[in-house]
Amino acid sequence: MKSTPGHTPGHQSLFVKLPRTGPVVLSGDLYHFPAERTFGKMPSGEAERGQTAVSRQRLEEFIKINKAQLWIQHDMVGYRKIKLAPEYYE
């Protein structure tokens, strides 16, 4: 679990190392859409508090160091590409 406050005070993102898929970070609500990551955008309330920007920067560094994939839960385009039950990731 990675502490990523901003969206909510106790928000966390999950990091897993899967034997065949490799390292993956599940962002929870840290990012809502891939464009937020691409363009550095975030909801105004989160931007004003400043915590989301810090959490995103720390998580981006973590992702780079660990060569992890970032899975954004609200990404509908990405969602259509992932395996769903009964398929699975190893």
PDB file of N, CA and C in Angstrom:
ATOM      1  N   MET A   1       0.849  -1.173   0.000  1.00  0.00           N
ATOM      2  CA  MET A   1       0.000   0.000   0.000  1.00  0.00           C
ATOM      3  C   MET A   1       0.896   1.238   0.000  1.00  0.00           C
ATOM      4  N   LYS A   2       0.535   2.183  -0.828  1.00  0.00           N
ATOM      5  CA  LYS A   2       1.260   3.450  -0.902  1.00  0.00           C
ATOM      6  C   LYS A   2       0.311   4.553  -0.454  1.00  0.00           C
ATOM      7  N   SER A   3       0.741   5.339   0.509  1.00  0.00           N
ATOM      8  CA  SER A   3      -0.057   6.474   0.966  1.00  0.00           C
ATOM      9  C   SER A   3      -0.074   7.532  -0.133  1.00  0.00           C
ATOM     10  N   THR A   4      -1.280   7.886  -0.589  1.00  0.00           N
ATOM     11  CA  THR A   4      -1.427   8.895  -1.651  1.00  0.00           C
ATOM     12  C   THR A   4      -2.577   9.841  -1.297  1.00  0.00           C
ATOM     13  N   PRO A   5      -2.448  10.576  -0.183  1.00  0.00           N
ATOM     14  CA  PRO A   5      -3.531  11.478   0.219  1.00  0.00           C
ATOM     15  C   PRO A   5      -3.748  12.583  -0.800  1.00  0.00           C
ATOM     16  N   GLY A   6      -4.942  13.115  -0.778  1.00  0.00           N
ATOM     17  CA  GLY A   6      -5.303  14.204  -1.682  1.00  0.00           C
ATOM     18  C   GLY A   6      -6.759  14.086  -2.064  1.00  0.00           C
ATOM     19  N   HIS A   7      -7.103  12.965  -2.696  1.00  0.00           N
ATOM     20  CA  HIS A   7      -8.515  12.748  -3.025  1.00  0.00           C
ATOM     21  C   HIS A   7      -9.313  12.652  -1.733  1.00  0.00           C
ATOM     22  N   THR A   8      -8.772  11.893  -0.798  1.00  0.00           N
ATOM     23  CA  THR A   8      -9.294  11.817   0.566  1.00  0.00           C
ATOM     24  C   THR A   8      -8.086  11.762   1.491  1.00  0.00           C
ATOM     25  N   PRO A   9      -8.222  12.138   2.755  1.00  0.00           N
ATOM     26  CA  PRO A   9      -7.072  12.166   3.666  1.00  0.00           C
ATOM     27  C   PRO A   9      -6.324  10.834   3.781  1.00  0.00           C
ATOM     28  N   GLY A  10      -7.020   9.719   3.812  1.00  0.00           N
ATOM     29  CA  GLY A  10      -6.358   8.427   3.973  1.00  0.00           C
ATOM     30  C   GLY A  10      -6.218   7.630   2.691  1.00  0.00           C
ATOM     31  N   HIS A  11      -6.333   8.295   1.552  1.00  0.00           N
ATOM     32  CA  HIS A  11      -6.295   7.589   0.263  1.00  0.00           C
ATOM     33  C   HIS A  11      -5.003   6.801   0.102  1.00  0.00           C
ATOM     34  N   GLN A  12      -5.130   5.608  -0.491  1.00  0.00           N
ATOM     35  CA  GLN A  12      -3.971   4.771  -0.754  1.00  0.00           C
ATOM     36  C   GLN A  12      -4.054   4.190  -2.154  1.00  0.00           C
ATOM     37  N   SER A  13      -2.889   3.875  -2.705  1.00  0.00           N
ATOM     38  CA  SER A  13      -2.785   3.171  -3.969  1.00  0.00           C
ATOM     39  C   SER A  13      -2.115   1.838  -3.680  1.00  0.00           C
ATOM     40  N   LEU A  14      -2.408   0.846  -4.497  1.00  0.00           N
ATOM     41  CA  LEU A  14      -1.898  -0.498  -4.259  1.00  0.00           C
ATOM     42  C   LEU A  14      -0.813  -0.842  -5.265  1.00  0.00           C
ATOM     43  N   PHE A  15       0.319  -1.352  -4.766  1.00  0.00           N
ATOM     44  CA  PHE A  15       1.424  -1.813  -5.608  1.00  0.00           C
ATOM     45  C   PHE A  15       1.531  -3.325  -5.460  1.00  0.00           C
ATOM     46  N   VAL A  16       1.515  -4.019  -6.596  1.00  0.00           N
ATOM     47  CA  VAL A  16       1.683  -5.470  -6.582  1.00  0.00           C
ATOM     48  C   VAL A  16       2.738  -5.865  -7.609  1.00  0.00           C
ATOM     49  N   LYS A  17       3.472  -6.921  -7.289  1.00  0.00           N
ATOM     50  CA  LYS A  17       4.429  -7.499  -8.229  1.00  0.00           C
ATOM     51  C   LYS A  17       3.889  -8.860  -8.636  1.00  0.00           C
ATOM     52  N   LEU A  18       3.400  -8.938  -9.859  1.00  0.00           N
ATOM     53  CA  LEU A  18       2.846 -10.178 -10.363  1.00  0.00           C
ATOM     54  C   LEU A  18       3.928 -10.937 -11.130  1.00  0.00           C
ATOM     55  N   PRO A  19       4.044 -12.245 -10.910  1.00  0.00           N
ATOM     56  CA  PRO A  19       5.150 -13.010 -11.487  1.00  0.00           C
ATOM     57  C   PRO A  19       5.292 -12.876 -13.006  1.00  0.00           C
ATOM     58  N   ARG A  20       4.187 -12.870 -13.727  1.00  0.00           N
ATOM     59  CA  ARG A  20       4.270 -12.799 -15.196  1.00  0.00           C
ATOM     60  C   ARG A  20       3.927 -11.425 -15.757  1.00  0.00           C
ATOM     61  N   THR A  21       3.035 -10.727 -15.112  1.00  0.00           N
ATOM     62  CA  THR A  21       2.613  -9.405 -15.579  1.00  0.00           C
ATOM     63  C   THR A  21       3.625  -8.340 -15.201  1.00  0.00           C
ATOM     64  N   GLY A  22       4.267  -8.510 -14.055  1.00  0.00           N
ATOM     65  CA  GLY A  22       5.237  -7.544 -13.575  1.00  0.00           C
ATOM     66  C   GLY A  22       4.622  -6.598 -12.569  1.00  0.00           C
ATOM     67  N   PRO A  23       5.325  -5.514 -12.244  1.00  0.00           N
ATOM     68  CA  PRO A  23       4.841  -4.568 -11.242  1.00  0.00           C
ATOM     69  C   PRO A  23       3.681  -3.716 -11.763  1.00  0.00           C
ATOM     70  N   VAL A  24       2.654  -3.579 -10.923  1.00  0.00           N
ATOM     71  CA  VAL A  24       1.450  -2.831 -11.275  1.00  0.00           C
ATOM     72  C   VAL A  24       1.048  -1.951 -10.090  1.00  0.00           C
ATOM     73  N   VAL A  25       0.679  -0.714 -10.374  1.00  0.00           N
ATOM     74  CA  VAL A  25       0.117   0.180  -9.366  1.00  0.00           C
ATOM     75  C   VAL A  25      -1.342   0.427  -9.716  1.00  0.00           C
ATOM     76  N   LEU A  26      -2.228   0.163  -8.766  1.00  0.00           N
ATOM     77  CA  LEU A  26      -3.647   0.492  -8.910  1.00  0.00           C
ATOM     78  C   LEU A  26      -3.841   1.836  -8.227  1.00  0.00           C
ATOM     79  N   SER A  27      -4.236   2.831  -9.000  1.00  0.00           N
ATOM     80  CA  SER A  27      -4.213   4.213  -8.514  1.00  0.00           C
ATOM     81  C   SER A  27      -5.375   4.608  -7.615  1.00  0.00           C
ATOM     82  N   GLY A  28      -6.409   3.775  -7.551  1.00  0.00           N
ATOM     83  CA  GLY A  28      -7.587   4.208  -6.797  1.00  0.00           C
ATOM     84  C   GLY A  28      -8.124   5.482  -7.437  1.00  0.00           C
ATOM     85  N   ASP A  29      -8.359   6.507  -6.637  1.00  0.00           N
ATOM     86  CA  ASP A  29      -8.872   7.778  -7.158  1.00  0.00           C
ATOM     87  C   ASP A  29      -7.803   8.870  -7.235  1.00  0.00           C
ATOM     88  N   LEU A  30      -6.528   8.492  -7.164  1.00  0.00           N
ATOM     89  CA  LEU A  30      -5.473   9.499  -7.291  1.00  0.00           C
ATOM     90  C   LEU A  30      -5.545  10.147  -8.672  1.00  0.00           C
ATOM     91  N   TYR A  31      -5.778   9.324  -9.679  1.00  0.00           N
ATOM     92  CA  TYR A  31      -6.051   9.801 -11.037  1.00  0.00           C
ATOM     93  C   TYR A  31      -7.451   9.328 -11.393  1.00  0.00           C
ATOM     94  N   HIS A  32      -8.200  10.163 -12.079  1.00  0.00           N
ATOM     95  CA  HIS A  32      -9.531   9.766 -12.524  1.00  0.00           C
ATOM     96  C   HIS A  32      -9.505   9.349 -13.989  1.00  0.00           C
ATOM     97  N   PHE A  33      -8.648  10.006 -14.775  1.00  0.00           N
ATOM     98  CA  PHE A  33      -8.563   9.768 -16.205  1.00  0.00           C
ATOM     99  C   PHE A  33      -7.106   9.889 -16.648  1.00  0.00           C
ATOM    100  N   PRO A  34      -6.685   9.163 -17.680  1.00  0.00           N
ATOM    101  CA  PRO A  34      -5.310   9.265 -18.155  1.00  0.00           C
ATOM    102  C   PRO A  34      -4.894  10.695 -18.516  1.00  0.00           C
ATOM    103  N   ALA A  35      -5.825  11.499 -19.014  1.00  0.00           N
ATOM    104  CA  ALA A  35      -5.492  12.878 -19.406  1.00  0.00           C
ATOM    105  C   ALA A  35      -5.007  13.697 -18.204  1.00  0.00           C
ATOM    106  N   GLU A  36      -5.480  13.372 -17.012  1.00  0.00           N
ATOM    107  CA  GLU A  36      -4.984  14.078 -15.824  1.00  0.00           C
ATOM    108  C   GLU A  36      -3.489  13.847 -15.654  1.00  0.00           C
ATOM    109  N   ARG A  37      -3.072  12.658 -15.957  1.00  0.00           N
ATOM    110  CA  ARG A  37      -1.646  12.326 -15.857  1.00  0.00           C
ATOM    111  C   ARG A  37      -0.864  13.000 -16.983  1.00  0.00           C
ATOM    112  N   THR A  38      -1.374  12.906 -18.180  1.00  0.00           N
ATOM    113  CA  THR A  38      -0.707  13.468 -19.347  1.00  0.00           C
ATOM    114  C   THR A  38      -0.537  14.979 -19.253  1.00  0.00           C
ATOM    115  N   PHE A  39      -1.600  15.670 -18.833  1.00  0.00           N
ATOM    116  CA  PHE A  39      -1.597  17.134 -18.836  1.00  0.00           C
ATOM    117  C   PHE A  39      -1.419  17.761 -17.458  1.00  0.00           C
ATOM    118  N   GLY A  40      -1.218  16.943 -16.430  1.00  0.00           N
ATOM    119  CA  GLY A  40      -1.005  17.467 -15.090  1.00  0.00           C
ATOM    120  C   GLY A  40      -2.232  18.145 -14.505  1.00  0.00           C
ATOM    121  N   LYS A  41      -3.411  17.689 -14.905  1.00  0.00           N
ATOM    122  CA  LYS A  41      -4.664  18.291 -14.426  1.00  0.00           C
ATOM    123  C   LYS A  41      -5.216  17.499 -13.250  1.00  0.00           C
ATOM    124  N   MET A  42      -6.036  18.173 -12.431  1.00  0.00           N
ATOM    125  CA  MET A  42      -6.736  17.503 -11.340  1.00  0.00           C
ATOM    126  C   MET A  42      -7.956  18.323 -10.965  1.00  0.00           C
ATOM    127  N   PRO A  43      -8.915  17.706 -10.284  1.00  0.00           N
ATOM    128  CA  PRO A  43     -10.094  18.458  -9.852  1.00  0.00           C
ATOM    129  C   PRO A  43      -9.678  19.671  -9.016  1.00  0.00           C
ATOM    130  N   SER A  44     -10.386  20.784  -9.185  1.00  0.00           N
ATOM    131  CA  SER A  44      -9.984  22.040  -8.540  1.00  0.00           C
ATOM    132  C   SER A  44      -9.867  21.922  -7.028  1.00  0.00           C
ATOM    133  N   GLY A  45     -10.768  21.232  -6.361  1.00  0.00           N
ATOM    134  CA  GLY A  45     -10.691  21.093  -4.914  1.00  0.00           C
ATOM    135  C   GLY A  45      -9.428  20.384  -4.469  1.00  0.00           C
ATOM    136  N   GLU A  46      -9.009  19.399  -5.235  1.00  0.00           N
ATOM    137  CA  GLU A  46      -7.780  18.680  -4.906  1.00  0.00           C
ATOM    138  C   GLU A  46      -6.555  19.533  -5.207  1.00  0.00           C
ATOM    139  N   ALA A  47      -6.603  20.288  -6.281  1.00  0.00           N
ATOM    140  CA  ALA A  47      -5.478  21.153  -6.636  1.00  0.00           C
ATOM    141  C   ALA A  47      -5.258  22.222  -5.573  1.00  0.00           C
ATOM    142  N   GLU A  48      -6.355  22.760  -5.054  1.00  0.00           N
ATOM    143  CA  GLU A  48      -6.257  23.823  -4.049  1.00  0.00           C
ATOM    144  C   GLU A  48      -5.612  23.333  -2.765  1.00  0.00           C
ATOM    145  N   ARG A  49      -5.885  22.082  -2.377  1.00  0.00           N
ATOM    146  CA  ARG A  49      -5.308  21.551  -1.140  1.00  0.00           C
ATOM    147  C   ARG A  49      -3.843  21.179  -1.310  1.00  0.00           C
ATOM    148  N   GLY A  50      -3.422  20.879  -2.519  1.00  0.00           N
ATOM    149  CA  GLY A  50      -2.020  20.613  -2.800  1.00  0.00           C
ATOM    150  C   GLY A  50      -1.533  19.199  -2.521  1.00  0.00           C
ATOM    151  N   GLN A  51      -2.272  18.411  -1.772  1.00  0.00           N
ATOM    152  CA  GLN A  51      -1.808  17.071  -1.429  1.00  0.00           C
ATOM    153  C   GLN A  51      -1.785  16.134  -2.627  1.00  0.00           C
ATOM    154  N   THR A  52      -2.750  16.265  -3.507  1.00  0.00           N
ATOM    155  CA  THR A  52      -2.812  15.378  -4.659  1.00  0.00           C
ATOM    156  C   THR A  52      -1.571  15.544  -5.532  1.00  0.00           C
ATOM    157  N   ALA A  53      -1.142  16.766  -5.754  1.00  0.00           N
ATOM    158  CA  ALA A  53       0.042  17.007  -6.587  1.00  0.00           C
ATOM    159  C   ALA A  53       1.276  16.344  -5.985  1.00  0.00           C
ATOM    160  N   VAL A  54       1.440  16.443  -4.685  1.00  0.00           N
ATOM    161  CA  VAL A  54       2.582  15.823  -4.004  1.00  0.00           C
ATOM    162  C   VAL A  54       2.483  14.306  -4.106  1.00  0.00           C
ATOM    163  N   SER A  55       1.299  13.754  -3.866  1.00  0.00           N
ATOM    164  CA  SER A  55       1.109  12.306  -3.949  1.00  0.00           C
ATOM    165  C   SER A  55       1.379  11.803  -5.357  1.00  0.00           C
ATOM    166  N   ARG A  56       0.911  12.529  -6.347  1.00  0.00           N
ATOM    167  CA  ARG A  56       1.135  12.117  -7.737  1.00  0.00           C
ATOM    168  C   ARG A  56       2.625  12.134  -8.070  1.00  0.00           C
ATOM    169  N   GLN A  57       3.319  13.177  -7.655  1.00  0.00           N
ATOM    170  CA  GLN A  57       4.754  13.268  -7.936  1.00  0.00           C
ATOM    171  C   GLN A  57       5.499  12.095  -7.296  1.00  0.00           C
ATOM    172  N   ARG A  58       5.199  11.807  -6.047  1.00  0.00           N
ATOM    173  CA  ARG A  58       5.856  10.686  -5.357  1.00  0.00           C
ATOM    174  C   ARG A  58       5.526   9.353  -6.025  1.00  0.00           C
ATOM    175  N   LEU A  59       4.269   9.171  -6.419  1.00  0.00           N
ATOM    176  CA  LEU A  59       3.888   7.920  -7.053  1.00  0.00           C
ATOM    177  C   LEU A  59       4.535   7.790  -8.432  1.00  0.00           C
ATOM    178  N   GLU A  60       4.628   8.876  -9.190  1.00  0.00           N
ATOM    179  CA  GLU A  60       5.284   8.832 -10.502  1.00  0.00           C
ATOM    180  C   GLU A  60       6.749   8.418 -10.349  1.00  0.00           C
ATOM    181  N   GLU A  61       7.427   8.936  -9.330  1.00  0.00           N
ATOM    182  CA  GLU A  61       8.822   8.549  -9.073  1.00  0.00           C
ATOM    183  C   GLU A  61       8.899   7.066  -8.725  1.00  0.00           C
ATOM    184  N   PHE A  62       7.981   6.595  -7.899  1.00  0.00           N
ATOM    185  CA  PHE A  62       7.925   5.191  -7.509  1.00  0.00           C
ATOM    186  C   PHE A  62       7.693   4.302  -8.730  1.00  0.00           C
ATOM    187  N   ILE A  63       6.777   4.705  -9.597  1.00  0.00           N
ATOM    188  CA  ILE A  63       6.465   3.952 -10.816  1.00  0.00           C
ATOM    189  C   ILE A  63       7.703   3.858 -11.707  1.00  0.00           C
ATOM    190  N   LYS A  64       8.404   4.960 -11.852  1.00  0.00           N
ATOM    191  CA  LYS A  64       9.595   4.987 -12.700  1.00  0.00           C
ATOM    192  C   LYS A  64      10.685   4.072 -12.126  1.00  0.00           C
ATOM    193  N   ILE A  65      10.949   4.181 -10.848  1.00  0.00           N
ATOM    194  CA  ILE A  65      11.987   3.367 -10.205  1.00  0.00           C
ATOM    195  C   ILE A  65      11.666   1.879 -10.335  1.00  0.00           C
ATOM    196  N   ASN A  66      10.397   1.535 -10.162  1.00  0.00           N
ATOM    197  CA  ASN A  66       9.980   0.134 -10.174  1.00  0.00           C
ATOM    198  C   ASN A  66       9.541  -0.376 -11.542  1.00  0.00           C
ATOM    199  N   LYS A  67       9.603   0.499 -12.551  1.00  0.00           N
ATOM    200  CA  LYS A  67       9.194   0.142 -13.916  1.00  0.00           C
ATOM    201  C   LYS A  67       7.806  -0.496 -13.914  1.00  0.00           C
ATOM    202  N   ALA A  68       6.900   0.140 -13.190  1.00  0.00           N
ATOM    203  CA  ALA A  68       5.548  -0.398 -13.002  1.00  0.00           C
ATOM    204  C   ALA A  68       4.567   0.170 -14.021  1.00  0.00           C
ATOM    205  N   GLN A  69       3.527  -0.597 -14.275  1.00  0.00           N
ATOM    206  CA  GLN A  69       2.383  -0.113 -15.036  1.00  0.00           C
ATOM    207  C   GLN A  69       1.470   0.629 -14.063  1.00  0.00           C
ATOM    208  N   LEU A  70       0.815   1.661 -14.525  1.00  0.00           N
ATOM    209  CA  LEU A  70      -0.190   2.353 -13.714  1.00  0.00           C
ATOM    210  C   LEU A  70      -1.556   2.035 -14.288  1.00  0.00           C
ATOM    211  N   TRP A  71      -2.414   1.456 -13.465  1.00  0.00           N
ATOM    212  CA  TRP A  71      -3.781   1.171 -13.879  1.00  0.00           C
ATOM    213  C   TRP A  71      -4.697   2.177 -13.215  1.00  0.00           C
ATOM    214  N   ILE A  72      -5.382   2.977 -14.025  1.00  0.00           N
ATOM    215  CA  ILE A  72      -6.280   4.020 -13.543  1.00  0.00           C
ATOM    216  C   ILE A  72      -7.699   3.458 -13.566  1.00  0.00           C
ATOM    217  N   GLN A  73      -8.297   3.354 -12.411  1.00  0.00           N
ATOM    218  CA  GLN A  73      -9.579   2.676 -12.280  1.00  0.00           C
ATOM    219  C   GLN A  73     -10.711   3.312 -13.077  1.00  0.00           C
ATOM    220  N   HIS A  74     -10.700   4.606 -13.307  1.00  0.00           N
ATOM    221  CA  HIS A  74     -11.780   5.269 -14.043  1.00  0.00           C
ATOM    222  C   HIS A  74     -11.519   5.342 -15.547  1.00  0.00           C
ATOM    223  N   ASP A  75     -10.427   4.751 -16.005  1.00  0.00           N
ATOM    224  CA  ASP A  75     -10.037   4.794 -17.414  1.00  0.00           C
ATOM    225  C   ASP A  75     -10.864   3.782 -18.201  1.00  0.00           C
ATOM    226  N   MET A  76     -11.940   4.234 -18.829  1.00  0.00           N
ATOM    227  CA  MET A  76     -12.837   3.331 -19.554  1.00  0.00           C
ATOM    228  C   MET A  76     -12.166   2.697 -20.771  1.00  0.00           C
ATOM    229  N   VAL A  77     -11.282   3.416 -21.444  1.00  0.00           N
ATOM    230  CA  VAL A  77     -10.574   2.851 -22.592  1.00  0.00           C
ATOM    231  C   VAL A  77      -9.650   1.737 -22.106  1.00  0.00           C
ATOM    232  N   GLY A  78      -8.900   2.005 -21.051  1.00  0.00           N
ATOM    233  CA  GLY A  78      -8.020   0.993 -20.481  1.00  0.00           C
ATOM    234  C   GLY A  78      -8.800  -0.186 -19.933  1.00  0.00           C
ATOM    235  N   TYR A  79      -9.947   0.083 -19.336  1.00  0.00           N
ATOM    236  CA  TYR A  79     -10.777  -0.970 -18.758  1.00  0.00           C
ATOM    237  C   TYR A  79     -11.206  -1.982 -19.816  1.00  0.00           C
ATOM    238  N   ARG A  80     -11.500  -1.487 -21.016  1.00  0.00           N
ATOM    239  CA  ARG A  80     -11.926  -2.383 -22.101  1.00  0.00           C
ATOM    240  C   ARG A  80     -10.799  -3.304 -22.547  1.00  0.00           C
ATOM    241  N   LYS A  81      -9.564  -2.951 -22.208  1.00  0.00           N
ATOM    242  CA  LYS A  81      -8.413  -3.741 -22.642  1.00  0.00           C
ATOM    243  C   LYS A  81      -7.967  -4.775 -21.610  1.00  0.00           C
ATOM    244  N   ILE A  82      -8.428  -4.659 -20.369  1.00  0.00           N
ATOM    245  CA  ILE A  82      -7.942  -5.572 -19.335  1.00  0.00           C
ATOM    246  C   ILE A  82      -8.697  -6.895 -19.352  1.00  0.00           C
ATOM    247  N   LYS A  83      -8.055  -7.900 -18.782  1.00  0.00           N
ATOM    248  CA  LYS A  83      -8.675  -9.208 -18.653  1.00  0.00           C
ATOM    249  C   LYS A  83      -9.728  -9.153 -17.557  1.00  0.00           C
ATOM    250  N   LEU A  84     -10.874  -9.747 -17.829  1.00  0.00           N
ATOM    251  CA  LEU A  84     -11.946  -9.843 -16.848  1.00  0.00           C
ATOM    252  C   LEU A  84     -12.221 -11.316 -16.582  1.00  0.00           C
ATOM    253  N   ALA A  85     -12.770 -11.622 -15.430  1.00  0.00           N
ATOM    254  CA  ALA A  85     -13.078 -13.003 -15.055  1.00  0.00           C
ATOM    255  C   ALA A  85     -13.901 -13.654 -16.161  1.00  0.00           C
ATOM    256  N   PRO A  86     -13.577 -14.868 -16.516  1.00  0.00           N
ATOM    257  CA  PRO A  86     -12.721 -15.805 -15.791  1.00  0.00           C
ATOM    258  C   PRO A  86     -11.240 -15.701 -16.147  1.00  0.00           C
ATOM    259  N   GLU A  87     -10.863 -14.763 -17.017  1.00  0.00           N
ATOM    260  CA  GLU A  87      -9.436 -14.546 -17.292  1.00  0.00           C
ATOM    261  C   GLU A  87      -8.810 -13.873 -16.074  1.00  0.00           C
ATOM    262  N   TYR A  88      -7.479 -13.888 -16.004  1.00  0.00           N
ATOM    263  CA  TYR A  88      -6.793 -13.303 -14.856  1.00  0.00           C
ATOM    264  C   TYR A  88      -5.358 -12.962 -15.210  1.00  0.00           C
ATOM    265  N   TYR A  89      -4.739 -12.208 -14.348  1.00  0.00           N
ATOM    266  CA  TYR A  89      -3.326 -11.844 -14.504  1.00  0.00           C
ATOM    267  C   TYR A  89      -2.492 -12.676 -13.558  1.00  0.00           C
ATOM    268  N   GLU A  90      -1.325 -13.046 -14.041  1.00  0.00           N
ATOM    269  CA  GLU A  90      -0.395 -13.789 -13.191  1.00  0.00           C
ATOM    270  C   GLU A  90       0.822 -12.943 -12.915  1.00  0.00           C
TER     271      GLU A  90
END
